[in-house]
Structures are given as C-alpha cells and as structure tokens.
Amino acid sequence: MSIFKPNLDKFSSKIFVAPANEYEVEVASVKYRAVDIKNGARAGQKMHMVDVACRIIADASGDKEYENKPVSVSFILDTDREDSFDRLIKFVMCCKGIRPGTEDADTEFKNRFGQLDLGIDLDSGELGSGYTELQKSRVIVNVGIRTQGDKQYQDYKGCRPF
C-alpha cells in the first residue's frame, strides 16, 4: 500500500481568497447549508444557503496563475421572499449556457430546463437532482473580496456562460 505524507513546508491552513477578477471555473459540488443567526433582528432564526464549490481553470484573460485553486460561491436563500432563488437561478442558467438578463433568456431556460428539479428540502438539506447536473459545468464568475473583521472572504458579483 502506498502512503501519502503531506509536505508541511507547503501547507497552509489559511482559506484561499482569489484576487478580485473574472475567472473561468468548473463546478465541483453543490451543497445546502443552514446557519443559525446569532445576532441582530433575526437572531435565533436559520439562514439557508446553497454553496457552490468551484475550481479555477484560468482568469478571464487565460492566465493560469491560480489554476486548480478553490473558489466558493454562496447563495443566501431568503425564504420569506418570492425572488429568493433569483441569484441562484441566474447561476444555474449560466451553467446551462444561457446568459441571464432578458425575457428571451428566461423563456429559453424555462423551455429547455423547466423540468429540472431545483427544489431544496429545508428540513433535510436534500437538494433536487438538477443541482447534481451542474457538476463539471464551466462558467465565468466575477468575484471580489469582502472583509469582515480581520478575515477576508470571496464575494460573488455575478456570472456569465463560458
């Protein structure tokens, strides 16, 4: 049996945050996450999220400096609002090769992918089968950097089809 030993000289426990830019990424996985809100007006409630883990292929200019680095895109689902899924659906549209933002694009998406199961069971955390179909999709994502306290996080700004 082969034994793999990590190279601790190259190890970093810091979370990688890509510089603000547009990146061609490949979707690795899509997962549901619920977070208990601890402060503010909604303290004690749950925040529902869909996290999309991606890996960078290259930046939009083709530079591969960050190739294979992780980028996570998170979508907060405000289940009290009818438009709660809008940002997530736009991402799904891009994964399916449709540039969101027009009635024609919306109609095309509904006609081609209207039967896609994009439901989310908020009790069990189970995602509809349509999210599995996003794996291996390539899209161009626009990300920035958000600072909260002394930590930096990836800030999703939008996407377009690859």
Protein backbone atom coordinates (compact mmCIF):
# COMPACT_ATOMS: atom_id res chain seq x y z
CA MET A 1 0.00 0.00 0.00
CA SER A 2 1.25 3.48 -0.86
CA ILE A 3 1.40 6.00 1.91
CA PHE A 4 0.89 9.66 1.17
CA LYS A 5 2.56 12.12 3.53
CA PRO A 6 1.72 15.81 3.26
CA ASN A 7 4.51 18.30 2.70
CA LEU A 8 4.09 20.55 5.72
CA ASP A 9 6.55 23.09 4.28
CA LYS A 10 3.96 23.88 1.59
CA PHE A 11 0.92 23.52 3.83
CA SER A 12 -1.28 26.48 4.75
CA SER A 13 -4.45 26.36 6.82
CA LYS A 14 -5.48 29.80 5.54
CA ILE A 15 -8.52 29.90 3.30
CA PHE A 16 -7.56 30.91 -0.23
CA VAL A 17 -9.28 34.09 -1.42
CA ALA A 18 -8.79 34.79 -5.13
CA PRO A 19 -8.00 38.38 -6.10
CA ALA A 20 -10.96 40.34 -7.47
CA ASN A 21 -11.32 39.34 -11.12
CA GLU A 22 -13.30 37.23 -13.55
CA TYR A 23 -12.38 33.54 -13.59
CA GLU A 24 -13.29 30.58 -15.72
CA VAL A 25 -14.28 27.96 -13.16
CA GLU A 26 -15.54 24.39 -13.14
CA VAL A 27 -18.28 23.47 -10.67
CA ALA A 28 -17.08 20.74 -8.31
CA SER A 29 -20.06 20.34 -5.98
CA VAL A 30 -23.27 21.99 -4.82
CA LYS A 31 -24.33 21.68 -1.18
CA TYR A 32 -27.02 23.04 1.12
CA ARG A 33 -26.05 24.68 4.38
CA ALA A 34 -28.07 26.18 7.22
CA VAL A 35 -26.53 28.65 9.64
CA ASP A 36 -28.03 29.74 12.96
CA ILE A 37 -28.19 33.54 13.10
CA LYS A 38 -26.76 34.69 16.42
CA ASN A 39 -27.08 38.48 16.29
CA GLY A 40 -29.40 41.19 15.02
CA ALA A 41 -33.12 41.31 14.32
CA ARG A 42 -33.14 37.71 13.02
CA ALA A 43 -31.23 36.18 15.95
CA GLY A 44 -32.40 32.63 16.62
CA GLN A 45 -33.54 32.07 13.03
CA LYS A 46 -31.81 29.99 10.36
CA MET A 47 -30.12 31.36 7.27
CA HIS A 48 -30.46 28.92 4.36
CA MET A 49 -27.67 28.83 1.79
CA VAL A 50 -26.55 26.95 -1.27
CA ASP A 51 -22.76 26.72 -1.58
CA VAL A 52 -21.19 26.01 -4.94
CA ALA A 53 -17.60 24.80 -4.71
CA CYS A 54 -15.61 25.51 -7.87
CA ARG A 55 -12.03 25.24 -9.03
CA ILE A 56 -10.33 27.89 -11.09
CA ILE A 57 -9.33 26.95 -14.63
CA ALA A 58 -7.88 30.37 -15.55
CA ASP A 59 -8.70 34.03 -15.19
CA ALA A 60 -10.81 35.61 -17.93
CA SER A 61 -7.67 36.61 -19.87
CA GLY A 62 -6.42 32.99 -19.89
CA ASP A 63 -3.78 33.41 -17.16
CA LYS A 64 -3.42 30.13 -15.23
CA GLU A 65 -1.66 31.54 -12.14
CA TYR A 66 -4.49 30.32 -9.88
CA GLU A 67 -5.28 27.12 -11.77
CA ASN A 68 -6.90 24.46 -9.56
CA LYS A 69 -7.34 26.88 -6.64
CA PRO A 70 -10.76 26.72 -4.98
CA VAL A 71 -13.44 29.39 -5.27
CA SER A 72 -16.67 29.07 -3.34
CA VAL A 73 -19.83 30.85 -4.44
CA SER A 74 -22.61 31.10 -1.85
CA PHE A 75 -26.24 31.97 -2.39
CA ILE A 76 -28.38 33.06 0.57
CA LEU A 77 -31.99 31.96 0.24
CA ASP A 78 -34.35 34.40 1.93
CA THR A 79 -37.28 32.02 2.01
CA ASP A 80 -39.67 34.83 3.00
CA ARG A 81 -39.26 36.47 -0.41
CA GLU A 82 -40.64 35.27 -3.73
CA ASP A 83 -37.41 36.25 -5.54
CA SER A 84 -35.26 34.32 -3.07
CA PHE A 85 -33.85 31.99 -5.74
CA ASP A 86 -33.17 34.65 -8.40
CA ARG A 87 -29.38 34.83 -7.95
CA LEU A 88 -29.07 31.04 -7.75
CA ILE A 89 -31.24 30.52 -10.85
CA LYS A 90 -29.09 33.00 -12.80
CA PHE A 91 -26.04 30.92 -11.87
CA VAL A 92 -27.83 27.74 -12.97
CA MET A 93 -28.69 29.46 -16.27
CA CYS A 94 -25.02 30.28 -16.85
CA CYS A 95 -24.06 26.66 -16.09
CA LYS A 96 -26.56 25.61 -18.75
CA GLY A 97 -25.04 28.04 -21.30
CA ILE A 98 -27.73 30.74 -21.15
CA ARG A 99 -26.81 34.34 -20.39
CA PRO A 100 -29.45 35.65 -17.93
CA GLY A 101 -30.98 39.09 -18.06
CA THR A 102 -33.57 39.08 -20.84
CA GLU A 103 -37.08 37.73 -21.30
CA ASP A 104 -35.80 35.65 -24.23
CA ALA A 105 -33.19 34.05 -21.95
CA ASP A 106 -35.83 33.35 -19.30
CA THR A 107 -38.13 31.79 -21.90
CA GLU A 108 -35.30 29.66 -23.33
CA PHE A 109 -34.36 28.44 -19.84
CA LYS A 110 -37.96 27.56 -18.99
CA ASN A 111 -38.45 25.75 -22.32
CA ARG A 112 -35.20 23.77 -22.18
CA PHE A 113 -34.79 23.22 -18.43
CA GLY A 114 -38.19 23.90 -16.88
CA GLN A 115 -38.43 20.29 -15.67
CA LEU A 116 -35.06 20.44 -13.89
CA ASP A 117 -35.54 19.60 -10.20
CA LEU A 118 -34.11 22.64 -8.42
CA GLY A 119 -36.06 22.14 -5.21
CA ILE A 120 -34.46 22.25 -1.78
CA ASP A 121 -35.81 20.43 1.27
CA LEU A 122 -35.01 22.91 4.03
CA ASP A 123 -35.66 20.30 6.74
CA SER A 124 -33.37 17.54 5.45
CA GLY A 125 -30.98 19.70 3.39
CA GLU A 126 -31.56 17.49 0.35
CA LEU A 127 -31.07 19.20 -3.00
CA GLY A 128 -33.08 18.38 -6.11
CA SER A 129 -31.36 16.25 -8.75
CA GLY A 130 -30.90 19.29 -11.01
CA TYR A 131 -28.05 20.53 -8.84
CA THR A 132 -26.04 17.38 -9.49
CA GLU A 133 -26.20 18.21 -13.20
CA LEU A 134 -24.22 21.40 -12.54
CA GLN A 135 -21.08 19.44 -11.65
CA LYS A 136 -18.37 19.79 -14.28
CA SER A 137 -20.13 22.86 -15.77
CA ARG A 138 -17.85 25.71 -16.71
CA VAL A 139 -18.81 29.33 -16.20
CA ILE A 140 -17.14 32.72 -15.90
CA VAL A 141 -17.62 34.12 -12.40
CA ASN A 142 -16.89 37.64 -11.28
CA VAL A 143 -15.63 37.73 -7.72
CA GLY A 144 -14.44 40.39 -5.35
CA ILE A 145 -13.14 40.35 -1.81
CA ARG A 146 -15.29 41.09 1.24
CA THR A 147 -13.62 41.92 4.54
CA GLN A 148 -15.35 41.09 7.80
CA GLY A 149 -13.33 41.94 10.87
CA ASP A 150 -9.81 40.69 10.21
CA LYS A 151 -10.90 37.97 7.75
CA GLN A 152 -11.34 38.10 4.01
CA TYR A 153 -13.97 36.18 2.07
CA GLN A 154 -14.79 35.66 -1.57
CA ASP A 155 -17.63 37.96 -2.70
CA TYR A 156 -19.67 36.72 -5.66
CA LYS A 157 -20.58 39.55 -8.07
CA GLY A 158 -22.18 37.61 -10.94
CA CYS A 159 -21.52 35.21 -13.79
CA ARG A 160 -21.84 34.57 -17.48
CA PRO A 161 -21.76 31.39 -19.55
CA PHE A 162 -18.36 30.06 -20.59
